[in-house]
């Protein structure tokens, strides 16, 4: 199974997604709640895929997405706004509409890890 980086600024949502990943048999490579923490973890070894909240407080997760793309690590965005909030240049990446069921997360990860 995969080791998934989780970047989400809301603690309850982050814990819920981490629980869903564990239930699906994946491990959490690391958790961050802000841009700086996400950037550090995005360059760490052992990350197979990532789920990125589009907005981290007042900051965009776009620099984290760029770092992951540069390393060839697949990722999806999670957003309460759907595809509208996705940064230009990343419209081809999957978007999980929050709140999302575990089945949607499972399908998304299967597509990312294919």
PDB file of N, CA and C in Angstrom:
ATOM      1  N   UNK A   1       0.828  -1.188   0.000  1.00  0.00           N
ATOM      2  CA  UNK A   1       0.000   0.000   0.000  1.00  0.00           C
ATOM      3  C   UNK A   1       0.875   1.255   0.000  1.00  0.00           C
ATOM      4  N   UNK A   2       0.243   2.392  -0.133  1.00  0.00           N
ATOM      5  CA  UNK A   2       0.974   3.644  -0.340  1.00  0.00           C
ATOM      6  C   UNK A   2       1.205   4.417   0.948  1.00  0.00           C
ATOM      7  N   UNK A   3       2.226   5.253   0.903  1.00  0.00           N
ATOM      8  CA  UNK A   3       2.528   6.192   1.974  1.00  0.00           C
ATOM      9  C   UNK A   3       2.106   7.575   1.471  1.00  0.00           C
ATOM     10  N   UNK A   4       1.073   8.144   2.103  1.00  0.00           N
ATOM     11  CA  UNK A   4       0.409   9.333   1.582  1.00  0.00           C
ATOM     12  C   UNK A   4       0.679  10.558   2.461  1.00  0.00           C
ATOM     13  N   UNK A   5       1.147  11.630   1.838  1.00  0.00           N
ATOM     14  CA  UNK A   5       1.330  12.911   2.515  1.00  0.00           C
ATOM     15  C   UNK A   5      -0.025  13.603   2.610  1.00  0.00           C
ATOM     16  N   UNK A   6      -0.315  14.150   3.762  1.00  0.00           N
ATOM     17  CA  UNK A   6      -1.599  14.786   4.015  1.00  0.00           C
ATOM     18  C   UNK A   6      -1.369  16.230   4.457  1.00  0.00           C
ATOM     19  N   UNK A   7      -1.825  17.180   3.642  1.00  0.00           N
ATOM     20  CA  UNK A   7      -1.682  18.601   3.971  1.00  0.00           C
ATOM     21  C   UNK A   7      -3.085  19.201   4.046  1.00  0.00           C
ATOM     22  N   UNK A   8      -3.494  19.531   5.266  1.00  0.00           N
ATOM     23  CA  UNK A   8      -4.854  20.029   5.531  1.00  0.00           C
ATOM     24  C   UNK A   8      -4.783  20.924   6.757  1.00  0.00           C
ATOM     25  N   UNK A   9      -5.340  22.138   6.661  1.00  0.00           N
ATOM     26  CA  UNK A   9      -5.218  23.073   7.783  1.00  0.00           C
ATOM     27  C   UNK A   9      -6.227  22.857   8.898  1.00  0.00           C
ATOM     28  N   UNK A  10      -7.301  22.131   8.644  1.00  0.00           N
ATOM     29  CA  UNK A  10      -8.291  21.876   9.697  1.00  0.00           C
ATOM     30  C   UNK A  10      -8.021  20.511  10.342  1.00  0.00           C
ATOM     31  N   UNK A  11      -7.725  20.538  11.638  1.00  0.00           N
ATOM     32  CA  UNK A  11      -7.294  19.334  12.360  1.00  0.00           C
ATOM     33  C   UNK A  11      -8.315  18.198  12.279  1.00  0.00           C
ATOM     34  N   UNK A  12      -9.586  18.488  12.457  1.00  0.00           N
ATOM     35  CA  UNK A  12     -10.595  17.423  12.428  1.00  0.00           C
ATOM     36  C   UNK A  12     -10.684  16.766  11.061  1.00  0.00           C
ATOM     37  N   UNK A  13     -10.616  17.560  10.019  1.00  0.00           N
ATOM     38  CA  UNK A  13     -10.653  17.001   8.659  1.00  0.00           C
ATOM     39  C   UNK A  13      -9.394  16.175   8.408  1.00  0.00           C
ATOM     40  N   UNK A  14      -8.235  16.691   8.848  1.00  0.00           N
ATOM     41  CA  UNK A  14      -6.970  15.961   8.675  1.00  0.00           C
ATOM     42  C   UNK A  14      -7.028  14.609   9.383  1.00  0.00           C
ATOM     43  N   UNK A  15      -7.561  14.590  10.610  1.00  0.00           N
ATOM     44  CA  UNK A  15      -7.669  13.317  11.354  1.00  0.00           C
ATOM     45  C   UNK A  15      -8.640  12.364  10.658  1.00  0.00           C
ATOM     46  N   UNK A  16      -9.734  12.888  10.125  1.00  0.00           N
ATOM     47  CA  UNK A  16     -10.713  12.053   9.437  1.00  0.00           C
ATOM     48  C   UNK A  16     -10.084  11.408   8.194  1.00  0.00           C
ATOM     49  N   UNK A  17      -9.347  12.204   7.423  1.00  0.00           N
ATOM     50  CA  UNK A  17      -8.705  11.663   6.221  1.00  0.00           C
ATOM     51  C   UNK A  17      -7.631  10.643   6.603  1.00  0.00           C
ATOM     52  N   UNK A  18      -6.864  10.924   7.652  1.00  0.00           N
ATOM     53  CA  UNK A  18      -5.840   9.977   8.121  1.00  0.00           C
ATOM     54  C   UNK A  18      -6.487   8.656   8.528  1.00  0.00           C
ATOM     55  N   UNK A  19      -7.627   8.723   9.207  1.00  0.00           N
ATOM     56  CA  UNK A  19      -8.349   7.502   9.586  1.00  0.00           C
ATOM     57  C   UNK A  19      -8.815   6.737   8.356  1.00  0.00           C
ATOM     58  N   UNK A  20      -9.320   7.450   7.353  1.00  0.00           N
ATOM     59  CA  UNK A  20      -9.776   6.791   6.124  1.00  0.00           C
ATOM     60  C   UNK A  20      -8.599   6.129   5.412  1.00  0.00           C
ATOM     61  N   UNK A  21      -7.451   6.815   5.362  1.00  0.00           N
ATOM     62  CA  UNK A  21      -6.268   6.222   4.727  1.00  0.00           C
ATOM     63  C   UNK A  21      -5.870   4.926   5.430  1.00  0.00           C
ATOM     64  N   UNK A  22      -5.881   4.945   6.771  1.00  0.00           N
ATOM     65  CA  UNK A  22      -5.539   3.747   7.542  1.00  0.00           C
ATOM     66  C   UNK A  22      -6.534   2.628   7.264  1.00  0.00           C
ATOM     67  N   UNK A  23      -7.813   2.978   7.204  1.00  0.00           N
ATOM     68  CA  UNK A  23      -8.855   1.977   6.935  1.00  0.00           C
ATOM     69  C   UNK A  23      -8.669   1.354   5.556  1.00  0.00           C
ATOM     70  N   UNK A  24      -8.141   2.125   4.614  1.00  0.00           N
ATOM     71  CA  UNK A  24      -7.888   1.616   3.262  1.00  0.00           C
ATOM     72  C   UNK A  24      -6.558   0.873   3.157  1.00  0.00           C
ATOM     73  N   UNK A  25      -5.798   0.821   4.258  1.00  0.00           N
ATOM     74  CA  UNK A  25      -4.549   0.077   4.274  1.00  0.00           C
ATOM     75  C   UNK A  25      -3.320   0.899   3.924  1.00  0.00           C
ATOM     76  N   UNK A  26      -3.486   2.209   3.807  1.00  0.00           N
ATOM     77  CA  UNK A  26      -2.346   3.082   3.496  1.00  0.00           C
ATOM     78  C   UNK A  26      -1.753   3.631   4.792  1.00  0.00           C
ATOM     79  N   UNK A  27      -0.553   4.177   4.683  1.00  0.00           N
ATOM     80  CA  UNK A  27       0.058   4.849   5.828  1.00  0.00           C
ATOM     81  C   UNK A  27       0.145   6.345   5.518  1.00  0.00           C
ATOM     82  N   UNK A  28       0.226   7.138   6.559  1.00  0.00           N
ATOM     83  CA  UNK A  28       0.385   8.576   6.396  1.00  0.00           C
ATOM     84  C   UNK A  28       1.883   8.888   6.449  1.00  0.00           C
ATOM     85  N   UNK A  29       2.411   9.389   5.338  1.00  0.00           N
ATOM     86  CA  UNK A  29       3.845   9.702   5.244  1.00  0.00           C
ATOM     87  C   UNK A  29       4.188  10.888   6.127  1.00  0.00           C
ATOM     88  N   UNK A  30       3.225  11.759   6.328  1.00  0.00           N
ATOM     89  CA  UNK A  30       3.411  12.941   7.154  1.00  0.00           C
ATOM     90  C   UNK A  30       2.174  13.800   7.080  1.00  0.00           C
ATOM     91  N   UNK A  31       1.996  14.643   8.091  1.00  0.00           N
ATOM     92  CA  UNK A  31       0.844  15.544   8.138  1.00  0.00           C
ATOM     93  C   UNK A  31       1.343  16.960   8.356  1.00  0.00           C
ATOM     94  N   UNK A  32       0.770  17.893   7.615  1.00  0.00           N
ATOM     95  CA  UNK A  32       1.100  19.305   7.785  1.00  0.00           C
ATOM     96  C   UNK A  32      -0.193  20.111   7.755  1.00  0.00           C
ATOM     97  N   UNK A  33      -0.161  21.236   8.477  1.00  0.00           N
ATOM     98  CA  UNK A  33      -1.349  22.082   8.501  1.00  0.00           C
ATOM     99  C   UNK A  33      -1.075  23.468   7.916  1.00  0.00           C
ATOM    100  N   UNK A  34       0.135  23.674   7.387  1.00  0.00           N
ATOM    101  CA  UNK A  34       0.457  24.972   6.795  1.00  0.00           C
ATOM    102  C   UNK A  34       1.438  24.808   5.628  1.00  0.00           C
ATOM    103  N   UNK A  35       1.651  25.911   4.935  1.00  0.00           N
ATOM    104  CA  UNK A  35       2.506  25.886   3.748  1.00  0.00           C
ATOM    105  C   UNK A  35       3.925  25.435   4.065  1.00  0.00           C
ATOM    106  N   UNK A  36       4.544  26.017   5.112  1.00  0.00           N
ATOM    107  CA  UNK A  36       5.929  25.665   5.453  1.00  0.00           C
ATOM    108  C   UNK A  36       6.081  24.182   5.773  1.00  0.00           C
ATOM    109  N   UNK A  37       5.209  23.665   6.624  1.00  0.00           N
ATOM    110  CA  UNK A  37       5.274  22.247   6.978  1.00  0.00           C
ATOM    111  C   UNK A  37       5.060  21.357   5.774  1.00  0.00           C
ATOM    112  N   UNK A  38       4.134  21.751   4.907  1.00  0.00           N
ATOM    113  CA  UNK A  38       3.863  20.974   3.699  1.00  0.00           C
ATOM    114  C   UNK A  38       5.051  20.947   2.756  1.00  0.00           C
ATOM    115  N   UNK A  39       5.735  22.073   2.634  1.00  0.00           N
ATOM    116  CA  UNK A  39       6.917  22.130   1.764  1.00  0.00           C
ATOM    117  C   UNK A  39       8.039  21.233   2.278  1.00  0.00           C
ATOM    118  N   UNK A  40       8.233  21.232   3.591  1.00  0.00           N
ATOM    119  CA  UNK A  40       9.257  20.369   4.189  1.00  0.00           C
ATOM    120  C   UNK A  40       8.932  18.903   3.899  1.00  0.00           C
ATOM    121  N   UNK A  41       7.687  18.500   4.137  1.00  0.00           N
ATOM    122  CA  UNK A  41       7.287  17.103   3.937  1.00  0.00           C
ATOM    123  C   UNK A  41       7.266  16.713   2.461  1.00  0.00           C
ATOM    124  N   UNK A  42       6.983  17.670   1.580  1.00  0.00           N
ATOM    125  CA  UNK A  42       6.941  17.378   0.143  1.00  0.00           C
ATOM    126  C   UNK A  42       8.319  17.011  -0.399  1.00  0.00           C
ATOM    127  N   UNK A  43       9.369  17.405   0.310  1.00  0.00           N
ATOM    128  CA  UNK A  43      10.721  17.065  -0.148  1.00  0.00           C
ATOM    129  C   UNK A  43      11.299  15.869   0.601  1.00  0.00           C
ATOM    130  N   UNK A  44      10.524  15.313   1.539  1.00  0.00           N
ATOM    131  CA  UNK A  44      10.994  14.175   2.333  1.00  0.00           C
ATOM    132  C   UNK A  44      10.908  12.874   1.522  1.00  0.00           C
ATOM    133  N   UNK A  45      11.771  11.912   1.844  1.00  0.00           N
ATOM    134  CA  UNK A  45      11.692  10.615   1.156  1.00  0.00           C
ATOM    135  C   UNK A  45      10.482   9.812   1.632  1.00  0.00           C
ATOM    136  N   UNK A  46      10.107   8.825   0.840  1.00  0.00           N
ATOM    137  CA  UNK A  46       9.060   7.899   1.264  1.00  0.00           C
ATOM    138  C   UNK A  46       7.643   8.364   1.028  1.00  0.00           C
ATOM    139  N   UNK A  47       7.439   9.354   0.181  1.00  0.00           N
ATOM    140  CA  UNK A  47       6.084   9.816  -0.144  1.00  0.00           C
ATOM    141  C   UNK A  47       5.692   9.239  -1.500  1.00  0.00           C
ATOM    142  N   UNK A  48       4.592   8.468  -1.519  1.00  0.00           N
ATOM    143  CA  UNK A  48       4.111   7.854  -2.762  1.00  0.00           C
ATOM    144  C   UNK A  48       3.042   8.693  -3.453  1.00  0.00           C
ATOM    145  N   UNK A  49       2.277   9.443  -2.657  1.00  0.00           N
ATOM    146  CA  UNK A  49       1.177  10.259  -3.183  1.00  0.00           C
ATOM    147  C   UNK A  49       0.835  11.301  -2.122  1.00  0.00           C
ATOM    148  N   UNK A  50      -0.022  12.257  -2.492  1.00  0.00           N
ATOM    149  CA  UNK A  50      -0.384  13.299  -1.532  1.00  0.00           C
ATOM    150  C   UNK A  50      -1.808  13.782  -1.754  1.00  0.00           C
ATOM    151  N   UNK A  51      -2.417  14.225  -0.657  1.00  0.00           N
ATOM    152  CA  UNK A  51      -3.715  14.890  -0.683  1.00  0.00           C
ATOM    153  C   UNK A  51      -3.460  16.297  -0.139  1.00  0.00           C
ATOM    154  N   UNK A  52      -3.759  17.323  -0.945  1.00  0.00           N
ATOM    155  CA  UNK A  52      -3.477  18.702  -0.576  1.00  0.00           C
ATOM    156  C   UNK A  52      -4.759  19.516  -0.474  1.00  0.00           C
ATOM    157  N   UNK A  53      -4.990  20.122   0.675  1.00  0.00           N
ATOM    158  CA  UNK A  53      -6.044  21.112   0.789  1.00  0.00           C
ATOM    159  C   UNK A  53      -5.616  22.290  -0.079  1.00  0.00           C
ATOM    160  N   UNK A  54      -6.525  22.833  -0.877  1.00  0.00           N
ATOM    161  CA  UNK A  54      -6.176  23.932  -1.777  1.00  0.00           C
ATOM    162  C   UNK A  54      -5.770  25.171  -0.990  1.00  0.00           C
ATOM    163  N   UNK A  55      -6.545  25.516   0.037  1.00  0.00           N
ATOM    164  CA  UNK A  55      -6.281  26.704   0.838  1.00  0.00           C
ATOM    165  C   UNK A  55      -5.800  26.310   2.226  1.00  0.00           C
ATOM    166  N   UNK A  56      -4.645  26.808   2.593  1.00  0.00           N
ATOM    167  CA  UNK A  56      -4.084  26.563   3.926  1.00  0.00           C
ATOM    168  C   UNK A  56      -4.117  27.897   4.659  1.00  0.00           C
ATOM    169  N   UNK A  57      -5.214  28.145   5.339  1.00  0.00           N
ATOM    170  CA  UNK A  57      -5.400  29.460   5.941  1.00  0.00           C
ATOM    171  C   UNK A  57      -5.512  30.478   4.825  1.00  0.00           C
ATOM    172  N   UNK A  58      -4.630  31.477   4.845  1.00  0.00           N
ATOM    173  CA  UNK A  58      -4.653  32.510   3.801  1.00  0.00           C
ATOM    174  C   UNK A  58      -3.723  32.177   2.650  1.00  0.00           C
ATOM    175  N   UNK A  59      -3.007  31.054   2.735  1.00  0.00           N
ATOM    176  CA  UNK A  59      -2.036  30.698   1.710  1.00  0.00           C
ATOM    177  C   UNK A  59      -2.553  29.573   0.826  1.00  0.00           C
ATOM    178  N   UNK A  60      -2.055  29.548  -0.397  1.00  0.00           N
ATOM    179  CA  UNK A  60      -2.389  28.488  -1.345  1.00  0.00           C
ATOM    180  C   UNK A  60      -1.389  27.344  -1.188  1.00  0.00           C
ATOM    181  N   UNK A  61      -1.831  26.139  -1.467  1.00  0.00           N
ATOM    182  CA  UNK A  61      -0.918  24.990  -1.428  1.00  0.00           C
ATOM    183  C   UNK A  61      -0.178  24.814  -2.756  1.00  0.00           C
ATOM    184  N   UNK A  62      -0.316  25.779  -3.656  1.00  0.00           N
ATOM    185  CA  UNK A  62       0.314  25.679  -4.975  1.00  0.00           C
ATOM    186  C   UNK A  62       1.822  25.416  -4.916  1.00  0.00           C
ATOM    187  N   UNK A  63       2.605  26.084  -4.032  1.00  0.00           N
ATOM    188  CA  UNK A  63       4.045  25.764  -3.977  1.00  0.00           C
ATOM    189  C   UNK A  63       4.319  24.298  -3.598  1.00  0.00           C
ATOM    190  N   UNK A  64       3.470  23.706  -2.768  1.00  0.00           N
ATOM    191  CA  UNK A  64       3.629  22.294  -2.403  1.00  0.00           C
ATOM    192  C   UNK A  64       3.335  21.432  -3.628  1.00  0.00           C
ATOM    193  N   UNK A  65       2.271  21.780  -4.360  1.00  0.00           N
ATOM    194  CA  UNK A  65       1.921  21.048  -5.580  1.00  0.00           C
ATOM    195  C   UNK A  65       3.072  21.108  -6.589  1.00  0.00           C
ATOM    196  N   UNK A  66       3.690  22.290  -6.714  1.00  0.00           N
ATOM    197  CA  UNK A  66       4.818  22.432  -7.642  1.00  0.00           C
ATOM    198  C   UNK A  66       5.997  21.558  -7.217  1.00  0.00           C
ATOM    199  N   UNK A  67       6.260  21.500  -5.906  1.00  0.00           N
ATOM    200  CA  UNK A  67       7.359  20.669  -5.397  1.00  0.00           C
ATOM    201  C   UNK A  67       7.094  19.191  -5.665  1.00  0.00           C
ATOM    202  N   UNK A  68       5.860  18.756  -5.429  1.00  0.00           N
ATOM    203  CA  UNK A  68       5.499  17.353  -5.674  1.00  0.00           C
ATOM    204  C   UNK A  68       5.591  17.024  -7.162  1.00  0.00           C
ATOM    205  N   UNK A  69       5.066  17.913  -7.990  1.00  0.00           N
ATOM    206  CA  UNK A  69       5.118  17.683  -9.441  1.00  0.00           C
ATOM    207  C   UNK A  69       6.569  17.582  -9.901  1.00  0.00           C
ATOM    208  N   UNK A  70       7.439  18.433  -9.343  1.00  0.00           N
ATOM    209  CA  UNK A  70       8.856  18.393  -9.689  1.00  0.00           C
ATOM    210  C   UNK A  70       9.517  17.072  -9.340  1.00  0.00           C
ATOM    211  N   UNK A  71       8.999  16.402  -8.314  1.00  0.00           N
ATOM    212  CA  UNK A  71       9.546  15.101  -7.905  1.00  0.00           C
ATOM    213  C   UNK A  71       8.806  13.937  -8.547  1.00  0.00           C
ATOM    214  N   UNK A  72       7.767  14.222  -9.330  1.00  0.00           N
ATOM    215  CA  UNK A  72       7.003  13.163  -9.981  1.00  0.00           C
ATOM    216  C   UNK A  72       6.080  12.407  -9.034  1.00  0.00           C
ATOM    217  N   UNK A  73       5.693  13.042  -7.932  1.00  0.00           N
ATOM    218  CA  UNK A  73       4.806  12.404  -6.958  1.00  0.00           C
ATOM    219  C   UNK A  73       3.362  12.789  -7.283  1.00  0.00           C
ATOM    220  N   UNK A  74       2.490  11.800  -7.509  1.00  0.00           N
ATOM    221  CA  UNK A  74       1.102  12.113  -7.843  1.00  0.00           C
ATOM    222  C   UNK A  74       0.350  12.675  -6.635  1.00  0.00           C
ATOM    223  N   UNK A  75      -0.585  13.578  -6.911  1.00  0.00           N
ATOM    224  CA  UNK A  75      -1.355  14.177  -5.822  1.00  0.00           C
ATOM    225  C   UNK A  75      -2.731  14.595  -6.306  1.00  0.00           C
ATOM    226  N   UNK A  76      -3.611  14.772  -5.329  1.00  0.00           N
ATOM    227  CA  UNK A  76      -4.956  15.290  -5.581  1.00  0.00           C
ATOM    228  C   UNK A  76      -5.182  16.467  -4.654  1.00  0.00           C
ATOM    229  N   UNK A  77      -6.038  17.361  -5.093  1.00  0.00           N
ATOM    230  CA  UNK A  77      -6.445  18.475  -4.245  1.00  0.00           C
ATOM    231  C   UNK A  77      -7.724  18.104  -3.511  1.00  0.00           C
ATOM    232  N   UNK A  78      -7.876  18.627  -2.305  1.00  0.00           N
ATOM    233  CA  UNK A  78      -9.133  18.518  -1.569  1.00  0.00           C
ATOM    234  C   UNK A  78      -9.650  19.940  -1.396  1.00  0.00           C
ATOM    235  N   UNK A  79     -10.917  20.145  -1.708  1.00  0.00           N
ATOM    236  CA  UNK A  79     -11.449  21.496  -1.654  1.00  0.00           C
ATOM    237  C   UNK A  79     -12.928  21.501  -1.333  1.00  0.00           C
ATOM    238  N   UNK A  80     -13.326  22.464  -0.545  1.00  0.00           N
ATOM    239  CA  UNK A  80     -14.747  22.671  -0.295  1.00  0.00           C
ATOM    240  C   UNK A  80     -15.391  23.448  -1.425  1.00  0.00           C
ATOM    241  N   UNK A  81     -14.579  23.954  -2.357  1.00  0.00           N
ATOM    242  CA  UNK A  81     -15.072  24.782  -3.457  1.00  0.00           C
ATOM    243  C   UNK A  81     -15.103  24.033  -4.780  1.00  0.00           C
ATOM    244  N   UNK A  82     -14.759  22.749  -4.780  1.00  0.00           N
ATOM    245  CA  UNK A  82     -14.726  21.997  -6.028  1.00  0.00           C
ATOM    246  C   UNK A  82     -13.559  22.434  -6.895  1.00  0.00           C
ATOM    247  N   UNK A  83     -13.689  22.251  -8.196  1.00  0.00           N
ATOM    248  CA  UNK A  83     -12.592  22.525  -9.132  1.00  0.00           C
ATOM    249  C   UNK A  83     -12.339  24.022  -9.318  1.00  0.00           C
ATOM    250  N   UNK A  84     -13.253  24.875  -8.872  1.00  0.00           N
ATOM    251  CA  UNK A  84     -13.108  26.318  -9.076  1.00  0.00           C
ATOM    252  C   UNK A  84     -11.852  26.894  -8.433  1.00  0.00           C
ATOM    253  N   UNK A  85     -11.487  26.402  -7.253  1.00  0.00           N
ATOM    254  CA  UNK A  85     -10.360  26.972  -6.537  1.00  0.00           C
ATOM    255  C   UNK A  85      -9.001  26.419  -6.916  1.00  0.00           C
ATOM    256  N   UNK A  86      -8.952  25.479  -7.843  1.00  0.00           N
ATOM    257  CA  UNK A  86      -7.692  24.832  -8.209  1.00  0.00           C
ATOM    258  C   UNK A  86      -6.791  25.820  -8.949  1.00  0.00           C
ATOM    259  N   UNK A  87      -5.517  25.908  -8.541  1.00  0.00           N
ATOM    260  CA  UNK A  87      -4.600  26.846  -9.196  1.00  0.00           C
ATOM    261  C   UNK A  87      -4.436  26.543 -10.688  1.00  0.00           C
ATOM    262  N   UNK A  88      -4.265  27.612 -11.479  1.00  0.00           N
ATOM    263  CA  UNK A  88      -4.001  27.441 -12.918  1.00  0.00           C
ATOM    264  C   UNK A  88      -2.768  26.559 -13.074  1.00  0.00           C
ATOM    265  N   UNK A  89      -2.783  25.720 -14.072  1.00  0.00           N
ATOM    266  CA  UNK A  89      -1.654  24.841 -14.310  1.00  0.00           C
ATOM    267  C   UNK A  89      -1.797  23.493 -13.614  1.00  0.00           C
ATOM    268  N   UNK A  90      -2.835  23.372 -12.771  1.00  0.00           N
ATOM    269  CA  UNK A  90      -3.056  22.103 -12.060  1.00  0.00           C
ATOM    270  C   UNK A  90      -4.469  21.568 -12.298  1.00  0.00           C
ATOM    271  N   UNK A  91      -5.151  22.109 -13.304  1.00  0.00           N
ATOM    272  CA  UNK A  91      -6.544  21.720 -13.566  1.00  0.00           C
ATOM    273  C   UNK A  91      -6.668  20.245 -13.962  1.00  0.00           C
ATOM    274  N   UNK A  92      -5.546  19.628 -14.369  1.00  0.00           N
ATOM    275  CA  UNK A  92      -5.573  18.221 -14.779  1.00  0.00           C
ATOM    276  C   UNK A  92      -5.464  17.265 -13.584  1.00  0.00           C
ATOM    277  N   UNK A  93      -5.296  17.799 -12.387  1.00  0.00           N
ATOM    278  CA  UNK A  93      -5.179  16.949 -11.201  1.00  0.00           C
ATOM    279  C   UNK A  93      -6.545  16.666 -10.602  1.00  0.00           C
ATOM    280  N   UNK A  94      -6.718  15.486  -9.999  1.00  0.00           N
ATOM    281  CA  UNK A  94      -8.009  15.148  -9.394  1.00  0.00           C
ATOM    282  C   UNK A  94      -8.351  16.087  -8.238  1.00  0.00           C
ATOM    283  N   UNK A  95      -9.654  16.283  -8.046  1.00  0.00           N
ATOM    284  CA  UNK A  95     -10.148  17.117  -6.950  1.00  0.00           C
ATOM    285  C   UNK A  95     -11.154  16.319  -6.132  1.00  0.00           C
ATOM    286  N   UNK A  96     -10.891  16.221  -4.840  1.00  0.00           N
ATOM    287  CA  UNK A  96     -11.834  15.608  -3.910  1.00  0.00           C
ATOM    288  C   UNK A  96     -12.668  16.739  -3.328  1.00  0.00           C
ATOM    289  N   UNK A  97     -13.985  16.685  -3.547  1.00  0.00           N
ATOM    290  CA  UNK A  97     -14.891  17.712  -3.034  1.00  0.00           C
ATOM    291  C   UNK A  97     -15.184  17.393  -1.570  1.00  0.00           C
ATOM    292  N   UNK A  98     -14.752  18.287  -0.655  1.00  0.00           N
ATOM    293  CA  UNK A  98     -14.980  18.061   0.776  1.00  0.00           C
ATOM    294  C   UNK A  98     -16.425  18.397   1.129  1.00  0.00           C
ATOM    295  N   UNK A  99     -17.047  17.632   2.010  1.00  0.00           N
ATOM    296  CA  UNK A  99     -16.547  16.373   2.585  1.00  0.00           C
ATOM    297  C   UNK A  99     -16.729  15.239   1.574  1.00  0.00           C
ATOM    298  N   UNK A 100     -15.785  14.309   1.557  1.00  0.00           N
ATOM    299  CA  UNK A 100     -15.866  13.197   0.608  1.00  0.00           C
ATOM    300  C   UNK A 100     -15.929  11.867   1.356  1.00  0.00           C
ATOM    301  N   UNK A 101     -16.654  10.896   0.775  1.00  0.00           N
ATOM    302  CA  UNK A 101     -16.734   9.570   1.391  1.00  0.00           C
ATOM    303  C   UNK A 101     -15.460   8.764   1.145  1.00  0.00           C
ATOM    304  N   UNK A 102     -15.258   7.751   1.944  1.00  0.00           N
ATOM    305  CA  UNK A 102     -14.059   6.910   1.836  1.00  0.00           C
ATOM    306  C   UNK A 102     -13.947   6.259   0.456  1.00  0.00           C
ATOM    307  N   UNK A 103     -15.086   5.941  -0.167  1.00  0.00           N
ATOM    308  CA  UNK A 103     -15.058   5.309  -1.495  1.00  0.00           C
ATOM    309  C   UNK A 103     -14.463   6.247  -2.539  1.00  0.00           C
ATOM    310  N   UNK A 104     -14.754   7.533  -2.411  1.00  0.00           N
ATOM    311  CA  UNK A 104     -14.202   8.505  -3.354  1.00  0.00           C
ATOM    312  C   UNK A 104     -12.691   8.640  -3.151  1.00  0.00           C
ATOM    313  N   UNK A 105     -12.251   8.638  -1.897  1.00  0.00           N
ATOM    314  CA  UNK A 105     -10.822   8.681  -1.604  1.00  0.00           C
ATOM    315  C   UNK A 105     -10.130   7.444  -2.167  1.00  0.00           C
ATOM    316  N   UNK A 106     -10.747   6.296  -2.005  1.00  0.00           N
ATOM    317  CA  UNK A 106     -10.180   5.047  -2.503  1.00  0.00           C
ATOM    318  C   UNK A 106     -10.020   5.074  -4.027  1.00  0.00           C
ATOM    319  N   UNK A 107     -11.042   5.533  -4.725  1.00  0.00           N
ATOM    320  CA  UNK A 107     -10.968   5.630  -6.207  1.00  0.00           C
ATOM    321  C   UNK A 107      -9.896   6.625  -6.629  1.00  0.00           C
ATOM    322  N   UNK A 108      -9.825   7.744  -5.928  1.00  0.00           N
ATOM    323  CA  UNK A 108      -8.840   8.774  -6.250  1.00  0.00           C
ATOM    324  C   UNK A 108      -7.418   8.241  -6.091  1.00  0.00           C
ATOM    325  N   UNK A 109      -7.153   7.584  -4.961  1.00  0.00           N
ATOM    326  CA  UNK A 109      -5.813   7.037  -4.728  1.00  0.00           C
ATOM    327  C   UNK A 109      -5.462   5.942  -5.726  1.00  0.00           C
ATOM    328  N   UNK A 110      -6.442   5.119  -6.066  1.00  0.00           N
ATOM    329  CA  UNK A 110      -6.199   4.068  -7.075  1.00  0.00           C
ATOM    330  C   UNK A 110      -5.776   4.688  -8.388  1.00  0.00           C
ATOM    331  N   UNK A 111      -6.433   5.786  -8.786  1.00  0.00           N
ATOM    332  CA  UNK A 111      -6.080   6.463 -10.028  1.00  0.00           C
ATOM    333  C   UNK A 111      -4.688   7.101  -9.922  1.00  0.00           C
ATOM    334  N   UNK A 112      -4.380   7.717  -8.784  1.00  0.00           N
ATOM    335  CA  UNK A 112      -3.075   8.353  -8.606  1.00  0.00           C
ATOM    336  C   UNK A 112      -1.940   7.343  -8.639  1.00  0.00           C
ATOM    337  N   UNK A 113      -2.167   6.179  -8.075  1.00  0.00           N
ATOM    338  CA  UNK A 113      -1.103   5.184  -7.917  1.00  0.00           C
ATOM    339  C   UNK A 113      -1.003   4.219  -9.101  1.00  0.00           C
ATOM    340  N   UNK A 114      -1.856   4.392 -10.063  1.00  0.00           N
ATOM    341  CA  UNK A 114      -1.879   3.513 -11.218  1.00  0.00           C
ATOM    342  C   UNK A 114      -0.583   3.562 -11.980  1.00  0.00           C
TER     343      UNK A 114
END
